[in-house]
Amino acid sequence: MIENDAALKMADEIRADRKRAESMLLNYAEEMKVYHLKREEYVRGMPAQGGGGNLPGNPTQAEALRGVQFDETYHAYTWLRAVEFVERGLSERKRIFLDARRRASRGRANRGRRAWLVVTQRLYCDAMRERFLNTEFFVSERTLQEMWRYVVDRTVEAYLKLEQKKLNRHV
């Protein structure tokens, strides 16, 4: 049986993974920009690093190796891959929902437990009406919560699977 302290720690880790997944889903574009900037700096070598470094091969090979090294050490990289994987597998309706959820999260007034639901509901219904030319479209808050839970759960699952593969490669 699992000890009480270990169970509490595991529950905290699960909550932290879900929070991180939510953050990465909502801020994917911004996180991707940061990733590309930091990767470019690392790969090209900033002046403080002395430029080319001491990696073997020609400069192109050295840059490729530094890119792989960066990806291996940049924690958000696995989360970004997980989000990308999940997004690719979503149905059109869920992609429309995710876009509405992201747009709703950008507004200052849309913070809070209930506010995101109302704004997302409006944005999602508007987008669905426009996409499917249907003047009558409605989705309940409960359905939106379930869709969000589904997307977050899939992202956490993808992240954990990618982390497991990364660990297995290094064994």
C-alpha atoms as a PDB file:
ATOM      1  CA  MET A   1       0.000   0.000   0.000  1.00  0.00           C
ATOM      2  CA  ILE A   2       1.038   3.559  -0.603  1.00  0.00           C
ATOM      3  CA  GLU A   3       1.998   5.626   2.426  1.00  0.00           C
ATOM      4  CA  ASN A   4      -0.149   8.642   3.301  1.00  0.00           C
ATOM      5  CA  ASP A   5       2.679  11.130   2.723  1.00  0.00           C
ATOM      6  CA  ALA A   6       3.462   9.575  -0.654  1.00  0.00           C
ATOM      7  CA  ALA A   7      -0.220   9.687  -1.622  1.00  0.00           C
ATOM      8  CA  LEU A   8      -0.462  13.373  -0.672  1.00  0.00           C
ATOM      9  CA  LYS A   9       2.698  14.148  -2.628  1.00  0.00           C
ATOM     10  CA  MET A  10       1.353  12.294  -5.649  1.00  0.00           C
ATOM     11  CA  ALA A  11      -1.955  14.198  -5.450  1.00  0.00           C
ATOM     12  CA  ASP A  12      -0.018  17.481  -5.359  1.00  0.00           C
ATOM     13  CA  GLU A  13       2.018  16.420  -8.384  1.00  0.00           C
ATOM     14  CA  ILE A  14      -1.147  15.527 -10.306  1.00  0.00           C
ATOM     15  CA  ARG A  15      -2.654  18.939  -9.503  1.00  0.00           C
ATOM     16  CA  ALA A  16       0.581  20.632 -10.565  1.00  0.00           C
ATOM     17  CA  ASP A  17       0.613  18.697 -13.867  1.00  0.00           C
ATOM     18  CA  ARG A  18      -2.983  19.722 -14.579  1.00  0.00           C
ATOM     19  CA  LYS A  19      -2.197  23.381 -13.785  1.00  0.00           C
ATOM     20  CA  ARG A  20       0.857  23.270 -16.042  1.00  0.00           C
ATOM     21  CA  ALA A  21      -1.168  21.637 -18.835  1.00  0.00           C
ATOM     22  CA  GLU A  22      -3.836  24.342 -18.531  1.00  0.00           C
ATOM     23  CA  SER A  23      -1.210  27.059 -18.660  1.00  0.00           C
ATOM     24  CA  MET A  24       0.534  25.537 -21.671  1.00  0.00           C
ATOM     25  CA  LEU A  25      -2.752  25.051 -23.513  1.00  0.00           C
ATOM     26  CA  LEU A  26      -3.845  28.635 -22.907  1.00  0.00           C
ATOM     27  CA  ASN A  27      -0.450  30.222 -23.571  1.00  0.00           C
ATOM     28  CA  TYR A  28       0.843  27.911 -26.290  1.00  0.00           C
ATOM     29  CA  ALA A  29       1.643  30.629 -28.850  1.00  0.00           C
ATOM     30  CA  GLU A  30       3.556  32.753 -26.327  1.00  0.00           C
ATOM     31  CA  GLU A  31       5.398  29.741 -24.902  1.00  0.00           C
ATOM     32  CA  MET A  32       6.349  28.682 -28.424  1.00  0.00           C
ATOM     33  CA  LYS A  33       7.807  32.132 -29.165  1.00  0.00           C
ATOM     34  CA  VAL A  34       9.895  32.000 -25.981  1.00  0.00           C
ATOM     35  CA  TYR A  35      11.044  28.487 -26.839  1.00  0.00           C
ATOM     36  CA  HIS A  36      12.138  29.500 -30.351  1.00  0.00           C
ATOM     37  CA  LEU A  37      13.975  32.590 -29.082  1.00  0.00           C
ATOM     38  CA  LYS A  38      15.829  30.699 -26.352  1.00  0.00           C
ATOM     39  CA  ARG A  39      16.617  27.825 -28.700  1.00  0.00           C
ATOM     40  CA  GLU A  40      17.980  30.197 -31.320  1.00  0.00           C
ATOM     41  CA  GLU A  41      20.193  31.884 -28.720  1.00  0.00           C
ATOM     42  CA  TYR A  42      21.460  28.521 -27.501  1.00  0.00           C
ATOM     43  CA  VAL A  43      22.023  27.034 -30.964  1.00  0.00           C
ATOM     44  CA  ARG A  44      23.730  30.064 -32.485  1.00  0.00           C
ATOM     45  CA  GLY A  45      25.775  30.619 -29.367  1.00  0.00           C
ATOM     46  CA  MET A  46      25.711  33.982 -27.723  1.00  0.00           C
ATOM     47  CA  PRO A  47      28.957  36.014 -27.642  1.00  0.00           C
ATOM     48  CA  ALA A  48      29.370  35.117 -23.957  1.00  0.00           C
ATOM     49  CA  GLN A  49      29.536  31.445 -24.964  1.00  0.00           C
ATOM     50  CA  GLY A  50      32.373  32.099 -27.363  1.00  0.00           C
ATOM     51  CA  GLY A  51      30.464  31.410 -30.587  1.00  0.00           C
ATOM     52  CA  GLY A  52      31.026  28.004 -32.151  1.00  0.00           C
ATOM     53  CA  GLY A  53      31.944  26.064 -29.058  1.00  0.00           C
ATOM     54  CA  ASN A  54      33.914  22.830 -29.132  1.00  0.00           C
ATOM     55  CA  LEU A  55      31.419  20.431 -30.705  1.00  0.00           C
ATOM     56  CA  PRO A  56      32.784  18.161 -33.458  1.00  0.00           C
ATOM     57  CA  GLY A  57      31.935  18.426 -37.158  1.00  0.00           C
ATOM     58  CA  ASN A  58      31.076  21.358 -39.319  1.00  0.00           C
ATOM     59  CA  PRO A  59      29.101  24.358 -38.022  1.00  0.00           C
ATOM     60  CA  THR A  60      25.767  23.007 -39.300  1.00  0.00           C
ATOM     61  CA  GLN A  61      26.273  19.718 -37.471  1.00  0.00           C
ATOM     62  CA  ALA A  62      27.322  21.572 -34.330  1.00  0.00           C
ATOM     63  CA  GLU A  63      24.162  23.693 -34.454  1.00  0.00           C
ATOM     64  CA  ALA A  64      22.020  20.596 -34.920  1.00  0.00           C
ATOM     65  CA  LEU A  65      23.665  18.933 -31.921  1.00  0.00           C
ATOM     66  CA  ARG A  66      23.173  22.056 -29.796  1.00  0.00           C
ATOM     67  CA  GLY A  67      19.519  22.125 -30.860  1.00  0.00           C
ATOM     68  CA  VAL A  68      19.053  18.545 -29.670  1.00  0.00           C
ATOM     69  CA  GLN A  69      20.877  19.349 -26.418  1.00  0.00           C
ATOM     70  CA  PHE A  70      18.629  22.364 -25.858  1.00  0.00           C
ATOM     71  CA  ASP A  71      15.457  20.365 -26.474  1.00  0.00           C
ATOM     72  CA  GLU A  72      16.611  17.715 -24.015  1.00  0.00           C
ATOM     73  CA  THR A  73      17.135  20.262 -21.240  1.00  0.00           C
ATOM     74  CA  TYR A  74      14.323  22.768 -21.894  1.00  0.00           C
ATOM     75  CA  HIS A  75      11.504  21.627 -19.580  1.00  0.00           C
ATOM     76  CA  ALA A  76       8.683  23.299 -21.510  1.00  0.00           C
ATOM     77  CA  TYR A  77       9.690  21.467 -24.710  1.00  0.00           C
ATOM     78  CA  THR A  78       7.896  18.276 -23.695  1.00  0.00           C
ATOM     79  CA  TRP A  79       4.796  20.260 -22.722  1.00  0.00           C
ATOM     80  CA  LEU A  80       4.850  22.057 -26.078  1.00  0.00           C
ATOM     81  CA  ARG A  81       5.078  18.734 -27.893  1.00  0.00           C
ATOM     82  CA  ALA A  82       2.205  17.360 -25.815  1.00  0.00           C
ATOM     83  CA  VAL A  83      -0.016  20.353 -26.638  1.00  0.00           C
ATOM     84  CA  GLU A  84       0.867  20.059 -30.322  1.00  0.00           C
ATOM     85  CA  PHE A  85       0.060  16.341 -30.315  1.00  0.00           C
ATOM     86  CA  VAL A  86      -3.286  16.854 -28.584  1.00  0.00           C
ATOM     87  CA  GLU A  87      -4.291  19.751 -30.840  1.00  0.00           C
ATOM     88  CA  ARG A  88      -3.631  17.678 -33.938  1.00  0.00           C
ATOM     89  CA  GLY A  89      -5.937  14.955 -32.667  1.00  0.00           C
ATOM     90  CA  LEU A  90      -8.853  17.188 -31.709  1.00  0.00           C
ATOM     91  CA  SER A  91     -12.041  17.249 -33.716  1.00  0.00           C
ATOM     92  CA  GLU A  92     -12.923  20.482 -35.481  1.00  0.00           C
ATOM     93  CA  ARG A  93     -15.466  21.364 -32.802  1.00  0.00           C
ATOM     94  CA  LYS A  94     -12.935  20.883 -30.024  1.00  0.00           C
ATOM     95  CA  ARG A  95     -10.353  22.965 -31.907  1.00  0.00           C
ATOM     96  CA  ILE A  96     -12.936  25.731 -32.197  1.00  0.00           C
ATOM     97  CA  PHE A  97     -13.599  25.356 -28.465  1.00  0.00           C
ATOM     98  CA  LEU A  98      -9.873  25.544 -27.634  1.00  0.00           C
ATOM     99  CA  ASP A  99      -9.519  28.693 -29.720  1.00  0.00           C
ATOM    100  CA  ALA A 100     -12.504  30.254 -27.927  1.00  0.00           C
ATOM    101  CA  ARG A 101     -11.076  29.187 -24.551  1.00  0.00           C
ATOM    102  CA  ARG A 102      -7.732  30.805 -25.387  1.00  0.00           C
ATOM    103  CA  ARG A 103      -9.354  34.029 -26.535  1.00  0.00           C
ATOM    104  CA  ALA A 104     -11.502  34.131 -23.397  1.00  0.00           C
ATOM    105  CA  SER A 105      -8.453  33.719 -21.158  1.00  0.00           C
ATOM    106  CA  ARG A 106      -6.725  36.783 -22.649  1.00  0.00           C
ATOM    107  CA  GLY A 107      -9.157  39.339 -21.217  1.00  0.00           C
ATOM    108  CA  ARG A 108      -8.487  40.798 -17.772  1.00  0.00           C
ATOM    109  CA  ALA A 109     -12.178  40.725 -16.850  1.00  0.00           C
ATOM    110  CA  ASN A 110     -12.355  37.048 -17.759  1.00  0.00           C
ATOM    111  CA  ARG A 111     -10.349  35.792 -14.819  1.00  0.00           C
ATOM    112  CA  GLY A 112     -11.959  33.624 -12.229  1.00  0.00           C
ATOM    113  CA  ARG A 113     -13.754  30.368 -11.855  1.00  0.00           C
ATOM    114  CA  ARG A 114     -16.964  31.322 -13.590  1.00  0.00           C
ATOM    115  CA  ALA A 115     -15.947  34.126 -15.931  1.00  0.00           C
ATOM    116  CA  TRP A 116     -14.071  31.957 -18.413  1.00  0.00           C
ATOM    117  CA  LEU A 117     -17.148  29.787 -18.895  1.00  0.00           C
ATOM    118  CA  VAL A 118     -19.463  32.643 -19.800  1.00  0.00           C
ATOM    119  CA  VAL A 119     -17.031  34.300 -22.202  1.00  0.00           C
ATOM    120  CA  THR A 120     -15.961  30.986 -23.758  1.00  0.00           C
ATOM    121  CA  GLN A 121     -19.597  29.995 -24.165  1.00  0.00           C
ATOM    122  CA  ARG A 122     -20.355  33.195 -26.089  1.00  0.00           C
ATOM    123  CA  LEU A 123     -17.217  32.972 -28.254  1.00  0.00           C
ATOM    124  CA  TYR A 124     -17.697  29.272 -28.961  1.00  0.00           C
ATOM    125  CA  CYS A 125     -21.365  29.624 -29.879  1.00  0.00           C
ATOM    126  CA  ASP A 126     -20.571  32.574 -32.160  1.00  0.00           C
ATOM    127  CA  ALA A 127     -17.780  30.638 -33.876  1.00  0.00           C
ATOM    128  CA  MET A 128     -19.946  27.536 -34.295  1.00  0.00           C
ATOM    129  CA  ARG A 129     -22.802  29.578 -35.768  1.00  0.00           C
ATOM    130  CA  GLU A 130     -20.397  31.195 -38.204  1.00  0.00           C
ATOM    131  CA  ARG A 131     -18.659  27.945 -39.138  1.00  0.00           C
ATOM    132  CA  PHE A 132     -21.771  25.833 -39.606  1.00  0.00           C
ATOM    133  CA  LEU A 133     -24.147  28.607 -40.727  1.00  0.00           C
ATOM    134  CA  ASN A 134     -26.579  27.659 -38.019  1.00  0.00           C
ATOM    135  CA  THR A 135     -28.524  30.473 -36.409  1.00  0.00           C
ATOM    136  CA  GLU A 136     -29.494  28.277 -33.484  1.00  0.00           C
ATOM    137  CA  PHE A 137     -26.494  26.957 -31.590  1.00  0.00           C
ATOM    138  CA  PHE A 138     -26.100  26.615 -27.855  1.00  0.00           C
ATOM    139  CA  VAL A 139     -23.758  24.699 -25.605  1.00  0.00           C
ATOM    140  CA  SER A 140     -24.107  24.348 -21.856  1.00  0.00           C
ATOM    141  CA  GLU A 141     -21.493  25.393 -19.333  1.00  0.00           C
ATOM    142  CA  ARG A 142     -21.269  21.802 -18.161  1.00  0.00           C
ATOM    143  CA  THR A 143     -20.406  20.660 -21.694  1.00  0.00           C
ATOM    144  CA  LEU A 144     -17.697  23.326 -21.902  1.00  0.00           C
ATOM    145  CA  GLN A 145     -16.257  22.201 -18.566  1.00  0.00           C
ATOM    146  CA  GLU A 146     -16.229  18.601 -19.784  1.00  0.00           C
ATOM    147  CA  MET A 147     -14.516  19.589 -23.036  1.00  0.00           C
ATOM    148  CA  TRP A 148     -11.883  21.553 -21.114  1.00  0.00           C
ATOM    149  CA  ARG A 149     -11.317  18.639 -18.733  1.00  0.00           C
ATOM    150  CA  TYR A 150     -10.959  16.289 -21.721  1.00  0.00           C
ATOM    151  CA  VAL A 151      -8.366  18.508 -23.451  1.00  0.00           C
ATOM    152  CA  VAL A 152      -6.394  19.017 -20.225  1.00  0.00           C
ATOM    153  CA  ASP A 153      -6.475  15.292 -19.405  1.00  0.00           C
ATOM    154  CA  ARG A 154      -5.261  14.376 -22.899  1.00  0.00           C
ATOM    155  CA  THR A 155      -2.446  16.915 -22.620  1.00  0.00           C
ATOM    156  CA  VAL A 156      -1.285  15.522 -19.280  1.00  0.00           C
ATOM    157  CA  GLU A 157      -1.451  11.975 -20.677  1.00  0.00           C
ATOM    158  CA  ALA A 158       0.577  12.982 -23.743  1.00  0.00           C
ATOM    159  CA  TYR A 159       3.138  14.785 -21.572  1.00  0.00           C
ATOM    160  CA  LEU A 160       3.577  11.782 -19.292  1.00  0.00           C
ATOM    161  CA  LYS A 161       3.929   9.439 -22.269  1.00  0.00           C
ATOM    162  CA  LEU A 162       6.566  11.689 -23.856  1.00  0.00           C
ATOM    163  CA  GLU A 163       8.452  11.924 -20.553  1.00  0.00           C
ATOM    164  CA  GLN A 164       8.341   8.144 -20.212  1.00  0.00           C
ATOM    165  CA  LYS A 165       9.773   7.714 -23.718  1.00  0.00           C
ATOM    166  CA  LYS A 166      12.495  10.233 -22.919  1.00  0.00           C
ATOM    167  CA  LEU A 167      13.432   8.306 -19.767  1.00  0.00           C
ATOM    168  CA  ASN A 168      13.433   4.978 -21.634  1.00  0.00           C
ATOM    169  CA  ARG A 169      15.837   6.412 -24.245  1.00  0.00           C
ATOM    170  CA  HIS A 170      18.316   7.306 -21.525  1.00  0.00           C
ATOM    171  CA  VAL A 171      18.215   3.923 -19.800  1.00  0.00           C
END
